[in-house]
Amino acid sequence: MRTLLIAGALLAATGGNAARPARPARNAAAPLTMPAMPLHDPWIVAHRASGTYHLFTRNEPALTGDRRLGIMAYTSRDLKHWRRPQLVFTLPADSWANDGAWAPEVHRWRGRWYLFATFHNEAMALPPVGPRRPVRRSTILAVADSLAGPFRLVRDGAPLVDPSRMTLDGTLYVDSWGKPWLVYAHEWVQIGDGTIEAMPLTDDLAAAGAPQLLFKASDAPWVKRSSKPAAEQDFVTDGPELFRTRTGTLLMLWSSYDANGYVQSLARSRSGTLAGPWEQLPPLVRADSGHGMLFRRFDGTLMMVLHRPFNNARGKLYVMRDAGDRIEVVREATELDGETRPTH
């Protein structure tokens, strides 16, 4: 009898537990966390109207059940619990490309959502440059009325940049006058010393002029160098993204390699414009981390998402500070990304 009374008292004292299944039910609808989510070249859109974060990456057939080449998106309400991804774009079988789906970015432009993503075809060789064997690789464009897609090719998936240039990781930048630009990486595979370049766009996001050199990978004093002759050195440029700080400073996230591996770095325009000149700041995150982008949480907190490690990548989240003349890492948000060995 005493046991029954104690059990009854405990049940009464914790009567609120009867309502607790609601929380597991919510997580059951969003069962994934970042340690279980394949995630390379992450891109997050915080859609305030729906209170939903959309996280785009290359399609993983094991998660979507669809083997087509394309882009998938995870969704979340809290950046910790994620719904299983849905395919939002598939490359048509008759496209010039047959591989890639790298670096998907989704931008709002003129009332619609535009997807920028990199594709390639290794059978479409470009003219060799000495020992280098470049192939056709470029950012293409697709459009949708909803973040959930389906995204449809613009101009039949024609490369945004002249296809004789082996390029990747195109991002949209809109300057202070409202003019759109494509900022992208020109592959080291073709030119040795990879570059970040910018190309003006028309209002319908087609090429409007010749590319302009912003900087070379070797401009960074920390970039990995070898004992090879200068003409044989390889310097990587990856993942540009532009950010204007609270004081008007124009920054660029980009990635390359230092002596110990892949790094997330930062450059700053001395003029405050895309034309630069660009100065290289110390890397933000090392430890085989990179291809980051910035977004704001619904509470206004500036965040960065990147992938780590480069192979078998997972998403990592960082709380950031806008310091006016630069951005700084405050800490890794391990409560969200589940990292057991944080970098900060």
C-alpha atoms as a PDB file:
ATOM      1  CA  MET A   1       0.000   0.000   0.000  1.00  0.00           C
ATOM      2  CA  ARG A   2       2.796   2.437   0.893  1.00  0.00           C
ATOM      3  CA  THR A   3       4.383   1.734  -2.475  1.00  0.00           C
ATOM      4  CA  LEU A   4       1.116   2.532  -4.224  1.00  0.00           C
ATOM      5  CA  LEU A   5       0.685   5.759  -2.239  1.00  0.00           C
ATOM      6  CA  ILE A   6       4.222   6.885  -3.054  1.00  0.00           C
ATOM      7  CA  ALA A   7       3.732   6.043  -6.709  1.00  0.00           C
ATOM      8  CA  GLY A   8       0.480   7.984  -6.714  1.00  0.00           C
ATOM      9  CA  ALA A   9       2.119  10.979  -5.061  1.00  0.00           C
ATOM     10  CA  LEU A  10       4.946  10.973  -7.575  1.00  0.00           C
ATOM     11  CA  LEU A  11       2.495  10.753 -10.445  1.00  0.00           C
ATOM     12  CA  ALA A  12       0.511  13.673  -9.054  1.00  0.00           C
ATOM     13  CA  ALA A  13       3.648  15.739  -8.464  1.00  0.00           C
ATOM     14  CA  THR A  14       4.775  15.211 -12.047  1.00  0.00           C
ATOM     15  CA  GLY A  15       1.394  15.433 -13.666  1.00  0.00           C
ATOM     16  CA  GLY A  16       2.817  17.820 -16.270  1.00  0.00           C
ATOM     17  CA  ASN A  17       4.607  14.842 -17.795  1.00  0.00           C
ATOM     18  CA  ALA A  18       1.386  13.812 -19.440  1.00  0.00           C
ATOM     19  CA  ALA A  19       1.821  16.678 -21.874  1.00  0.00           C
ATOM     20  CA  ARG A  20       5.460  15.899 -22.694  1.00  0.00           C
ATOM     21  CA  PRO A  21       4.840  13.640 -25.714  1.00  0.00           C
ATOM     22  CA  ALA A  22       4.247  16.860 -27.682  1.00  0.00           C
ATOM     23  CA  ARG A  23       7.987  17.579 -27.722  1.00  0.00           C
ATOM     24  CA  PRO A  24       9.082  14.161 -29.014  1.00  0.00           C
ATOM     25  CA  ALA A  25       6.305  14.433 -31.604  1.00  0.00           C
ATOM     26  CA  ARG A  26       7.810  17.682 -32.889  1.00  0.00           C
ATOM     27  CA  ASN A  27      11.253  16.123 -33.089  1.00  0.00           C
ATOM     28  CA  ALA A  28       9.802  13.045 -34.758  1.00  0.00           C
ATOM     29  CA  ALA A  29       8.763  15.321 -37.614  1.00  0.00           C
ATOM     30  CA  ALA A  30      12.307  16.729 -37.712  1.00  0.00           C
ATOM     31  CA  PRO A  31      14.395  13.716 -36.684  1.00  0.00           C
ATOM     32  CA  LEU A  32      17.785  14.678 -38.093  1.00  0.00           C
ATOM     33  CA  THR A  33      20.635  16.530 -36.417  1.00  0.00           C
ATOM     34  CA  MET A  34      23.783  17.781 -38.117  1.00  0.00           C
ATOM     35  CA  PRO A  35      26.070  14.873 -37.157  1.00  0.00           C
ATOM     36  CA  ALA A  36      23.773  12.616 -39.228  1.00  0.00           C
ATOM     37  CA  MET A  37      23.366  14.990 -42.183  1.00  0.00           C
ATOM     38  CA  PRO A  38      25.728  14.778 -45.195  1.00  0.00           C
ATOM     39  CA  LEU A  39      26.404  18.413 -45.953  1.00  0.00           C
ATOM     40  CA  HIS A  40      28.939  19.895 -48.363  1.00  0.00           C
ATOM     41  CA  ASP A  41      28.902  23.567 -49.405  1.00  0.00           C
ATOM     42  CA  PRO A  42      25.981  24.476 -47.106  1.00  0.00           C
ATOM     43  CA  TRP A  43      23.657  27.395 -47.835  1.00  0.00           C
ATOM     44  CA  ILE A  44      20.950  28.528 -45.408  1.00  0.00           C
ATOM     45  CA  VAL A  45      18.001  30.789 -46.186  1.00  0.00           C
ATOM     46  CA  ALA A  46      16.179  32.021 -43.074  1.00  0.00           C
ATOM     47  CA  HIS A  47      12.591  32.480 -44.288  1.00  0.00           C
ATOM     48  CA  ARG A  48      11.026  34.728 -41.682  1.00  0.00           C
ATOM     49  CA  ALA A  49       7.471  34.593 -43.042  1.00  0.00           C
ATOM     50  CA  SER A  50       7.256  30.842 -42.414  1.00  0.00           C
ATOM     51  CA  GLY A  51       9.683  30.706 -39.486  1.00  0.00           C
ATOM     52  CA  THR A  52      11.698  28.092 -41.360  1.00  0.00           C
ATOM     53  CA  TYR A  53      15.390  27.653 -42.131  1.00  0.00           C
ATOM     54  CA  HIS A  54      16.087  26.056 -45.529  1.00  0.00           C
ATOM     55  CA  LEU A  55      19.478  24.335 -45.855  1.00  0.00           C
ATOM     56  CA  PHE A  56      20.572  23.513 -49.411  1.00  0.00           C
ATOM     57  CA  THR A  57      23.216  21.015 -50.509  1.00  0.00           C
ATOM     58  CA  ARG A  58      23.892  18.395 -53.202  1.00  0.00           C
ATOM     59  CA  ASN A  59      21.345  15.584 -53.453  1.00  0.00           C
ATOM     60  CA  GLU A  60      22.165  12.487 -51.411  1.00  0.00           C
ATOM     61  CA  PRO A  61      20.137   9.557 -52.831  1.00  0.00           C
ATOM     62  CA  ALA A  62      20.371   7.651 -49.536  1.00  0.00           C
ATOM     63  CA  LEU A  63      18.315  10.418 -47.922  1.00  0.00           C
ATOM     64  CA  THR A  64      15.913  11.442 -50.701  1.00  0.00           C
ATOM     65  CA  GLY A  65      15.452   8.058 -52.367  1.00  0.00           C
ATOM     66  CA  ASP A  66      16.079   9.730 -55.740  1.00  0.00           C
ATOM     67  CA  ARG A  67      19.283   9.014 -57.643  1.00  0.00           C
ATOM     68  CA  ARG A  68      19.044  11.964 -60.029  1.00  0.00           C
ATOM     69  CA  LEU A  69      21.727  14.649 -60.013  1.00  0.00           C
ATOM     70  CA  GLY A  70      20.415  17.715 -58.257  1.00  0.00           C
ATOM     71  CA  ILE A  71      19.961  19.805 -55.136  1.00  0.00           C
ATOM     72  CA  MET A  72      18.110  18.903 -51.938  1.00  0.00           C
ATOM     73  CA  ALA A  73      17.019  20.999 -48.976  1.00  0.00           C
ATOM     74  CA  TYR A  74      16.657  20.230 -45.279  1.00  0.00           C
ATOM     75  CA  THR A  75      14.258  22.408 -43.261  1.00  0.00           C
ATOM     76  CA  SER A  76      14.211  23.334 -39.577  1.00  0.00           C
ATOM     77  CA  ARG A  77      12.470  25.630 -37.119  1.00  0.00           C
ATOM     78  CA  ASP A  78      15.343  25.825 -34.633  1.00  0.00           C
ATOM     79  CA  LEU A  79      18.619  25.006 -36.495  1.00  0.00           C
ATOM     80  CA  LYS A  80      18.989  21.865 -34.387  1.00  0.00           C
ATOM     81  CA  HIS A  81      16.223  19.503 -35.475  1.00  0.00           C
ATOM     82  CA  TRP A  82      15.906  19.036 -39.228  1.00  0.00           C
ATOM     83  CA  ARG A  83      13.314  17.427 -41.457  1.00  0.00           C
ATOM     84  CA  ARG A  84      14.410  14.848 -43.988  1.00  0.00           C
ATOM     85  CA  PRO A  85      15.554  16.587 -47.167  1.00  0.00           C
ATOM     86  CA  GLN A  86      13.437  17.046 -50.250  1.00  0.00           C
ATOM     87  CA  LEU A  87      14.737  17.302 -53.792  1.00  0.00           C
ATOM     88  CA  VAL A  88      14.188  20.871 -55.029  1.00  0.00           C
ATOM     89  CA  PHE A  89      16.085  20.716 -58.344  1.00  0.00           C
ATOM     90  CA  THR A  90      17.102  17.955 -60.746  1.00  0.00           C
ATOM     91  CA  LEU A  91      19.375  18.469 -63.716  1.00  0.00           C
ATOM     92  CA  PRO A  92      17.656  17.347 -66.939  1.00  0.00           C
ATOM     93  CA  ALA A  93      19.196  14.249 -68.498  1.00  0.00           C
ATOM     94  CA  ASP A  94      19.915  16.099 -71.755  1.00  0.00           C
ATOM     95  CA  SER A  95      21.997  18.811 -70.065  1.00  0.00           C
ATOM     96  CA  TRP A  96      25.578  19.462 -71.124  1.00  0.00           C
ATOM     97  CA  ALA A  97      26.699  18.524 -67.577  1.00  0.00           C
ATOM     98  CA  ASN A  98      26.656  15.112 -65.932  1.00  0.00           C
ATOM     99  CA  ASP A  99      28.199  15.710 -62.497  1.00  0.00           C
ATOM    100  CA  GLY A 100      28.635  18.317 -59.791  1.00  0.00           C
ATOM    101  CA  ALA A 101      25.636  19.955 -58.084  1.00  0.00           C
ATOM    102  CA  TRP A 102      28.186  21.806 -55.961  1.00  0.00           C
ATOM    103  CA  ALA A 103      27.825  25.016 -53.990  1.00  0.00           C
ATOM    104  CA  PRO A 104      24.073  25.585 -54.307  1.00  0.00           C
ATOM    105  CA  GLU A 105      23.025  29.098 -53.356  1.00  0.00           C
ATOM    106  CA  VAL A 106      19.464  30.443 -53.347  1.00  0.00           C
ATOM    107  CA  HIS A 107      18.901  34.201 -53.616  1.00  0.00           C
ATOM    108  CA  ARG A 108      15.795  36.370 -53.784  1.00  0.00           C
ATOM    109  CA  TRP A 109      15.829  38.573 -56.877  1.00  0.00           C
ATOM    110  CA  ARG A 110      12.996  40.548 -58.428  1.00  0.00           C
ATOM    111  CA  GLY A 111      10.318  38.613 -56.552  1.00  0.00           C
ATOM    112  CA  ARG A 112      11.538  35.086 -57.345  1.00  0.00           C
ATOM    113  CA  TRP A 113      14.040  32.599 -55.920  1.00  0.00           C
ATOM    114  CA  TYR A 114      17.155  31.918 -58.007  1.00  0.00           C
ATOM    115  CA  LEU A 115      19.360  28.862 -57.552  1.00  0.00           C
ATOM    116  CA  PHE A 116      23.041  29.129 -58.483  1.00  0.00           C
ATOM    117  CA  ALA A 117      24.897  25.787 -58.593  1.00  0.00           C
ATOM    118  CA  THR A 118      28.082  24.399 -60.147  1.00  0.00           C
ATOM    119  CA  PHE A 119      28.068  21.487 -62.601  1.00  0.00           C
ATOM    120  CA  HIS A 120      30.679  19.935 -64.865  1.00  0.00           C
ATOM    121  CA  ASN A 121      31.420  17.298 -67.493  1.00  0.00           C
ATOM    122  CA  GLU A 122      34.888  15.744 -67.440  1.00  0.00           C
ATOM    123  CA  ALA A 123      34.404  14.388 -70.974  1.00  0.00           C
ATOM    124  CA  MET A 124      34.202  17.966 -72.284  1.00  0.00           C
ATOM    125  CA  ALA A 125      37.887  18.841 -72.258  1.00  0.00           C
ATOM    126  CA  LEU A 126      39.088  22.419 -72.539  1.00  0.00           C
ATOM    127  CA  PRO A 127      42.418  23.243 -74.223  1.00  0.00           C
ATOM    128  CA  PRO A 128      45.317  22.015 -72.073  1.00  0.00           C
ATOM    129  CA  VAL A 129      47.507  24.583 -70.343  1.00  0.00           C
ATOM    130  CA  GLY A 130      50.947  22.982 -70.108  1.00  0.00           C
ATOM    131  CA  PRO A 131      50.470  19.930 -67.886  1.00  0.00           C
ATOM    132  CA  ARG A 132      47.018  21.121 -66.797  1.00  0.00           C
ATOM    133  CA  ARG A 133      43.914  19.416 -68.173  1.00  0.00           C
ATOM    134  CA  PRO A 134      40.884  21.621 -67.500  1.00  0.00           C
ATOM    135  CA  VAL A 135      37.338  20.507 -68.278  1.00  0.00           C
ATOM    136  CA  ARG A 136      34.035  22.286 -68.704  1.00  0.00           C
ATOM    137  CA  ARG A 137      32.767  23.446 -65.315  1.00  0.00           C
ATOM    138  CA  SER A 138      30.499  26.374 -64.561  1.00  0.00           C
ATOM    139  CA  THR A 139      27.741  27.858 -62.442  1.00  0.00           C
ATOM    140  CA  ILE A 140      24.272  27.570 -63.951  1.00  0.00           C
ATOM    141  CA  LEU A 141      20.998  29.206 -62.969  1.00  0.00           C
ATOM    142  CA  ALA A 142      17.515  27.916 -62.100  1.00  0.00           C
ATOM    143  CA  VAL A 143      14.424  29.696 -60.789  1.00  0.00           C
ATOM    144  CA  ALA A 144      11.325  28.958 -58.699  1.00  0.00           C
ATOM    145  CA  ASP A 145       8.493  30.814 -57.017  1.00  0.00           C
ATOM    146  CA  SER A 146       9.013  28.899 -53.762  1.00  0.00           C
ATOM    147  CA  LEU A 147      12.024  27.822 -51.726  1.00  0.00           C
ATOM    148  CA  ALA A 148      10.603  24.297 -51.918  1.00  0.00           C
ATOM    149  CA  GLY A 149      10.968  24.368 -55.701  1.00  0.00           C
ATOM    150  CA  PRO A 150      10.789  22.863 -58.144  1.00  0.00           C
ATOM    151  CA  PHE A 151      13.546  25.019 -59.613  1.00  0.00           C
ATOM    152  CA  ARG A 152      13.611  25.141 -63.420  1.00  0.00           C
ATOM    153  CA  LEU A 153      16.618  25.913 -65.591  1.00  0.00           C
ATOM    154  CA  VAL A 154      17.103  29.439 -66.885  1.00  0.00           C
ATOM    155  CA  ARG A 155      18.319  29.675 -70.505  1.00  0.00           C
ATOM    156  CA  ASP A 156      18.423  25.863 -70.695  1.00  0.00           C
ATOM    157  CA  GLY A 157      21.215  25.682 -68.144  1.00  0.00           C
ATOM    158  CA  ALA A 158      23.777  27.578 -70.195  1.00  0.00           C
ATOM    159  CA  PRO A 159      26.892  28.476 -68.170  1.00  0.00           C
ATOM    160  CA  LEU A 160      26.756  31.979 -66.728  1.00  0.00           C
ATOM    161  CA  VAL A 161      30.461  32.529 -67.433  1.00  0.00           C
ATOM    162  CA  ASP A 162      32.138  31.927 -70.801  1.00  0.00           C
ATOM    163  CA  PRO A 163      32.412  28.096 -70.895  1.00  0.00           C
ATOM    164  CA  SER A 164      36.041  28.329 -72.035  1.00  0.00           C
ATOM    165  CA  ARG A 165      36.810  29.349 -68.440  1.00  0.00           C
ATOM    166  CA  MET A 166      36.758  26.560 -65.836  1.00  0.00           C
ATOM    167  CA  THR A 167      34.844  28.211 -62.999  1.00  0.00           C
ATOM    168  CA  LEU A 168      32.821  27.301 -59.922  1.00  0.00           C
ATOM    169  CA  ASP A 169      30.993  28.505 -56.803  1.00  0.00           C
ATOM    170  CA  GLY A 170      29.170  31.473 -58.309  1.00  0.00           C
ATOM    171  CA  THR A 171      27.420  33.789 -55.844  1.00  0.00           C
ATOM    172  CA  LEU A 172      25.072  36.725 -56.425  1.00  0.00           C
ATOM    173  CA  TYR A 173      26.163  40.140 -55.178  1.00  0.00           C
ATOM    174  CA  VAL A 174      24.032  43.270 -55.543  1.00  0.00           C
ATOM    175  CA  ASP A 175      26.070  46.467 -55.254  1.00  0.00           C
ATOM    176  CA  SER A 176      25.102  49.782 -53.666  1.00  0.00           C
ATOM    177  CA  TRP A 177      23.492  50.943 -56.925  1.00  0.00           C
ATOM    178  CA  GLY A 178      21.300  47.835 -57.176  1.00  0.00           C
ATOM    179  CA  LYS A 179      23.376  46.255 -59.945  1.00  0.00           C
ATOM    180  CA  PRO A 180      23.731  42.441 -59.830  1.00  0.00           C
ATOM    181  CA  TRP A 181      27.113  40.721 -60.159  1.00  0.00           C
ATOM    182  CA  LEU A 182      28.264  37.134 -60.307  1.00  0.00           C
ATOM    183  CA  VAL A 183      31.315  36.567 -58.094  1.00  0.00           C
ATOM    184  CA  TYR A 184      32.999  33.204 -58.612  1.00  0.00           C
ATOM    185  CA  ALA A 185      36.230  31.215 -58.425  1.00  0.00           C
ATOM    186  CA  HIS A 186      38.343  30.612 -61.534  1.00  0.00           C
ATOM    187  CA  GLU A 187      39.739  27.113 -61.105  1.00  0.00           C
ATOM    188  CA  TRP A 188      43.377  26.520 -60.263  1.00  0.00           C
ATOM    189  CA  VAL A 189      43.034  23.382 -62.410  1.00  0.00           C
ATOM    190  CA  GLN A 190      43.108  25.680 -65.435  1.00  0.00           C
ATOM    191  CA  ILE A 191      45.230  28.635 -64.339  1.00  0.00           C
ATOM    192  CA  GLY A 192      47.392  27.338 -61.469  1.00  0.00           C
ATOM    193  CA  ASP A 193      46.946  30.356 -59.216  1.00  0.00           C
ATOM    194  CA  GLY A 194      43.191  30.317 -58.655  1.00  0.00           C
ATOM    195  CA  THR A 195      41.398  33.650 -58.673  1.00  0.00           C
ATOM    196  CA  ILE A 196      38.215  35.283 -57.448  1.00  0.00           C
ATOM    197  CA  GLU A 197      36.550  37.184 -60.275  1.00  0.00           C
ATOM    198  CA  ALA A 198      33.406  39.288 -60.725  1.00  0.00           C
ATOM    199  CA  MET A 199      31.190  39.612 -63.788  1.00  0.00           C
ATOM    200  CA  PRO A 200      28.420  42.204 -64.212  1.00  0.00           C
ATOM    201  CA  LEU A 201      24.929  40.836 -64.864  1.00  0.00           C
ATOM    202  CA  THR A 202      21.806  42.159 -66.530  1.00  0.00           C
ATOM    203  CA  ASP A 203      18.538  42.455 -64.634  1.00  0.00           C
ATOM    204  CA  ASP A 204      17.601  38.964 -65.860  1.00  0.00           C
ATOM    205  CA  LEU A 205      20.929  37.647 -64.533  1.00  0.00           C
ATOM    206  CA  ALA A 206      22.722  37.118 -67.831  1.00  0.00           C
ATOM    207  CA  ALA A 207      26.309  38.194 -68.520  1.00  0.00           C
ATOM    208  CA  ALA A 208      26.577  41.951 -69.100  1.00  0.00           C
ATOM    209  CA  GLY A 209      30.327  42.396 -69.508  1.00  0.00           C
ATOM    210  CA  ALA A 210      33.763  40.888 -69.184  1.00  0.00           C
ATOM    211  CA  PRO A 211      34.969  39.298 -65.929  1.00  0.00           C
ATOM    212  CA  GLN A 212      37.112  41.411 -63.619  1.00  0.00           C
ATOM    213  CA  LEU A 213      39.926  40.045 -61.457  1.00  0.00           C
ATOM    214  CA  LEU A 214      39.423  40.745 -57.742  1.00  0.00           C
ATOM    215  CA  PHE A 215      42.354  38.806 -56.261  1.00  0.00           C
ATOM    216  CA  LYS A 216      44.509  35.697 -56.577  1.00  0.00           C
ATOM    217  CA  ALA A 217      44.751  32.887 -54.040  1.00  0.00           C
ATOM    218  CA  SER A 218      48.481  33.531 -53.689  1.00  0.00           C
ATOM    219  CA  ASP A 219      47.724  37.043 -52.400  1.00  0.00           C
ATOM    220  CA  ALA A 220      46.952  35.455 -49.031  1.00  0.00           C
ATOM    221  CA  PRO A 221      50.180  35.240 -46.982  1.00  0.00           C
ATOM    222  CA  TRP A 222      48.953  32.097 -45.203  1.00  0.00           C
ATOM    223  CA  VAL A 223      48.105  30.097 -48.354  1.00  0.00           C
ATOM    224  CA  LYS A 224      49.876  26.757 -48.787  1.00  0.00           C
ATOM    225  CA  ARG A 225      53.044  26.904 -50.863  1.00  0.00           C
ATOM    226  CA  SER A 226      55.286  24.111 -52.096  1.00  0.00           C
ATOM    227  CA  SER A 227      58.880  23.768 -53.247  1.00  0.00           C
ATOM    228  CA  LYS A 228      57.809  23.606 -56.903  1.00  0.00           C
ATOM    229  CA  PRO A 229      58.843  26.359 -59.332  1.00  0.00           C
ATOM    230  CA  ALA A 230      56.468  29.319 -59.337  1.00  0.00           C
ATOM    231  CA  ALA A 231      54.905  28.320 -62.670  1.00  0.00           C
ATOM    232  CA  GLU A 232      53.975  24.907 -61.250  1.00  0.00           C
ATOM    233  CA  GLN A 233      52.453  26.062 -57.965  1.00  0.00           C
ATOM    234  CA  ASP A 234      48.762  25.370 -57.338  1.00  0.00           C
ATOM    235  CA  PHE A 235      46.648  27.780 -55.281  1.00  0.00           C
ATOM    236  CA  VAL A 236      42.971  27.082 -54.662  1.00  0.00           C
ATOM    237  CA  THR A 237      40.077  29.548 -54.514  1.00  0.00           C
ATOM    238  CA  ASP A 238      36.687  28.360 -53.264  1.00  0.00           C
ATOM    239  CA  GLY A 239      33.323  29.559 -52.028  1.00  0.00           C
ATOM    240  CA  PRO A 240      33.161  33.378 -52.240  1.00  0.00           C
ATOM    241  CA  GLU A 241      30.328  35.187 -50.434  1.00  0.00           C
ATOM    242  CA  LEU A 242      29.975  38.934 -49.856  1.00  0.00           C
ATOM    243  CA  PHE A 243      28.851  40.674 -46.654  1.00  0.00           C
ATOM    244  CA  ARG A 244      28.404  44.360 -45.819  1.00  0.00           C
ATOM    245  CA  THR A 245      29.061  45.150 -42.136  1.00  0.00           C
ATOM    246  CA  ARG A 246      27.160  47.573 -39.914  1.00  0.00           C
ATOM    247  CA  THR A 247      29.717  50.288 -40.733  1.00  0.00           C
ATOM    248  CA  GLY A 248      29.600  49.710 -44.496  1.00  0.00           C
ATOM    249  CA  THR A 249      32.791  47.653 -44.820  1.00  0.00           C
ATOM    250  CA  LEU A 250      32.595  45.132 -47.664  1.00  0.00           C
ATOM    251  CA  LEU A 251      33.923  41.685 -46.720  1.00  0.00           C
ATOM    252  CA  MET A 252      34.274  38.433 -48.611  1.00  0.00           C
ATOM    253  CA  LEU A 253      34.276  34.949 -47.172  1.00  0.00           C
ATOM    254  CA  TRP A 254      36.349  32.525 -49.248  1.00  0.00           C
ATOM    255  CA  SER A 255      38.297  29.303 -48.733  1.00  0.00           C
ATOM    256  CA  SER A 256      41.643  27.792 -49.668  1.00  0.00           C
ATOM    257  CA  TYR A 257      44.375  25.666 -48.082  1.00  0.00           C
ATOM    258  CA  ASP A 258      47.074  26.577 -45.599  1.00  0.00           C
ATOM    259  CA  ALA A 259      49.932  24.275 -44.602  1.00  0.00           C
ATOM    260  CA  ASN A 260      47.581  22.181 -42.453  1.00  0.00           C
ATOM    261  CA  GLY A 261      44.473  21.896 -44.620  1.00  0.00           C
ATOM    262  CA  TYR A 262      41.278  23.595 -45.731  1.00  0.00           C
ATOM    263  CA  VAL A 263      40.475  26.940 -44.075  1.00  0.00           C
ATOM    264  CA  GLN A 264      37.666  29.471 -43.899  1.00  0.00           C
ATOM    265  CA  SER A 265      39.130  32.865 -44.611  1.00  0.00           C
ATOM    266  CA  LEU A 266      38.159  36.498 -44.995  1.00  0.00           C
ATOM    267  CA  ALA A 267      39.088  39.358 -47.315  1.00  0.00           C
ATOM    268  CA  ARG A 268      38.241  43.060 -47.053  1.00  0.00           C
ATOM    269  CA  SER A 269      37.757  45.687 -49.747  1.00  0.00           C
ATOM    270  CA  ARG A 270      39.759  48.819 -48.976  1.00  0.00           C
ATOM    271  CA  SER A 271      37.470  50.928 -51.161  1.00  0.00           C
ATOM    272  CA  GLY A 272      34.225  49.451 -49.884  1.00  0.00           C
ATOM    273  CA  THR A 273      33.352  48.391 -53.428  1.00  0.00           C
ATOM    274  CA  LEU A 274      33.645  45.161 -55.360  1.00  0.00           C
ATOM    275  CA  ALA A 275      36.570  46.596 -57.333  1.00  0.00           C
ATOM    276  CA  GLY A 276      38.733  46.551 -54.216  1.00  0.00           C
ATOM    277  CA  PRO A 277      41.671  46.491 -53.769  1.00  0.00           C
ATOM    278  CA  TRP A 278      41.186  43.454 -51.533  1.00  0.00           C
ATOM    279  CA  GLU A 279      43.325  42.780 -48.482  1.00  0.00           C
ATOM    280  CA  GLN A 280      43.591  39.324 -46.956  1.00  0.00           C
ATOM    281  CA  LEU A 281      42.760  38.931 -43.264  1.00  0.00           C
ATOM    282  CA  PRO A 282      43.710  35.960 -41.063  1.00  0.00           C
ATOM    283  CA  PRO A 283      41.541  32.851 -41.485  1.00  0.00           C
ATOM    284  CA  LEU A 284      38.392  32.679 -39.354  1.00  0.00           C
ATOM    285  CA  VAL A 285      38.343  28.884 -38.887  1.00  0.00           C
ATOM    286  CA  ARG A 286      40.993  26.287 -39.682  1.00  0.00           C
ATOM    287  CA  ALA A 287      40.823  22.535 -38.856  1.00  0.00           C
ATOM    288  CA  ASP A 288      39.806  21.416 -42.386  1.00  0.00           C
ATOM    289  CA  SER A 289      36.831  23.808 -42.372  1.00  0.00           C
ATOM    290  CA  GLY A 290      35.473  26.014 -45.126  1.00  0.00           C
ATOM    291  CA  HIS A 291      32.982  27.091 -47.780  1.00  0.00           C
ATOM    292  CA  GLY A 292      31.061  29.122 -45.220  1.00  0.00           C
ATOM    293  CA  MET A 293      28.210  31.581 -45.548  1.00  0.00           C
ATOM    294  CA  LEU A 294      26.562  34.102 -43.251  1.00  0.00           C
ATOM    295  CA  PHE A 295      22.910  34.428 -42.284  1.00  0.00           C
ATOM    296  CA  ARG A 296      20.868  35.820 -39.413  1.00  0.00           C
ATOM    297  CA  ARG A 297      18.859  33.778 -36.982  1.00  0.00           C
ATOM    298  CA  PHE A 298      15.270  34.906 -36.468  1.00  0.00           C
ATOM    299  CA  ASP A 299      16.372  36.621 -33.242  1.00  0.00           C
ATOM    300  CA  GLY A 300      18.866  38.706 -35.245  1.00  0.00           C
ATOM    301  CA  THR A 301      22.031  36.807 -34.254  1.00  0.00           C
ATOM    302  CA  LEU A 302      24.649  36.739 -37.006  1.00  0.00           C
ATOM    303  CA  MET A 303      25.581  33.125 -37.783  1.00  0.00           C
ATOM    304  CA  MET A 304      27.995  31.296 -40.058  1.00  0.00           C
ATOM    305  CA  VAL A 305      27.534  27.793 -41.414  1.00  0.00           C
ATOM    306  CA  LEU A 306      30.423  25.886 -43.011  1.00  0.00           C
ATOM    307  CA  HIS A 307      31.408  22.285 -43.617  1.00  0.00           C
ATOM    308  CA  ARG A 308      34.004  20.166 -41.824  1.00  0.00           C
ATOM    309  CA  PRO A 309      35.894  18.005 -42.647  1.00  0.00           C
ATOM    310  CA  PHE A 310      36.325  18.466 -46.387  1.00  0.00           C
ATOM    311  CA  ASN A 311      35.638  14.787 -47.043  1.00  0.00           C
ATOM    312  CA  ASN A 312      32.501  13.216 -45.541  1.00  0.00           C
ATOM    313  CA  ALA A 313      31.516  16.756 -44.579  1.00  0.00           C
ATOM    314  CA  ARG A 314      29.031  17.813 -41.913  1.00  0.00           C
ATOM    315  CA  GLY A 315      27.572  21.216 -41.158  1.00  0.00           C
ATOM    316  CA  LYS A 316      29.065  23.380 -38.403  1.00  0.00           C
ATOM    317  CA  LEU A 317      27.423  26.491 -36.972  1.00  0.00           C
ATOM    318  CA  TYR A 318      29.132  29.528 -35.450  1.00  0.00           C
ATOM    319  CA  VAL A 319      27.870  32.567 -33.585  1.00  0.00           C
ATOM    320  CA  MET A 320      29.514  35.599 -35.202  1.00  0.00           C
ATOM    321  CA  ARG A 321      30.121  39.238 -34.296  1.00  0.00           C
ATOM    322  CA  ASP A 322      29.930  42.139 -36.713  1.00  0.00           C
ATOM    323  CA  ALA A 323      32.929  44.174 -35.536  1.00  0.00           C
ATOM    324  CA  GLY A 324      32.487  46.903 -38.139  1.00  0.00           C
ATOM    325  CA  ASP A 325      35.760  46.523 -40.010  1.00  0.00           C
ATOM    326  CA  ARG A 326      35.583  42.722 -39.947  1.00  0.00           C
ATOM    327  CA  ILE A 327      33.559  39.803 -38.610  1.00  0.00           C
ATOM    328  CA  GLU A 328      34.735  37.644 -35.722  1.00  0.00           C
ATOM    329  CA  VAL A 329      33.903  34.198 -34.399  1.00  0.00           C
ATOM    330  CA  VAL A 330      32.275  34.372 -30.958  1.00  0.00           C
ATOM    331  CA  ARG A 331      31.970  30.622 -30.463  1.00  0.00           C
ATOM    332  CA  GLU A 332      30.953  27.418 -32.175  1.00  0.00           C
ATOM    333  CA  ALA A 333      27.261  26.709 -31.554  1.00  0.00           C
ATOM    334  CA  THR A 334      27.760  23.149 -30.351  1.00  0.00           C
ATOM    335  CA  GLU A 335      24.274  23.119 -28.843  1.00  0.00           C
ATOM    336  CA  LEU A 336      23.033  23.216 -32.447  1.00  0.00           C
ATOM    337  CA  ASP A 337      25.607  21.335 -34.533  1.00  0.00           C
ATOM    338  CA  GLY A 338      26.463  18.600 -31.999  1.00  0.00           C
ATOM    339  CA  GLU A 339      30.230  19.063 -32.406  1.00  0.00           C
ATOM    340  CA  THR A 340      32.195  17.309 -29.661  1.00  0.00           C
ATOM    341  CA  ARG A 341      35.531  18.939 -30.567  1.00  0.00           C
ATOM    342  CA  PRO A 342      34.710  22.579 -31.327  1.00  0.00           C
ATOM    343  CA  THR A 343      37.254  24.895 -32.909  1.00  0.00           C
ATOM    344  CA  HIS A 344      36.162  27.905 -30.813  1.00  0.00           C
END
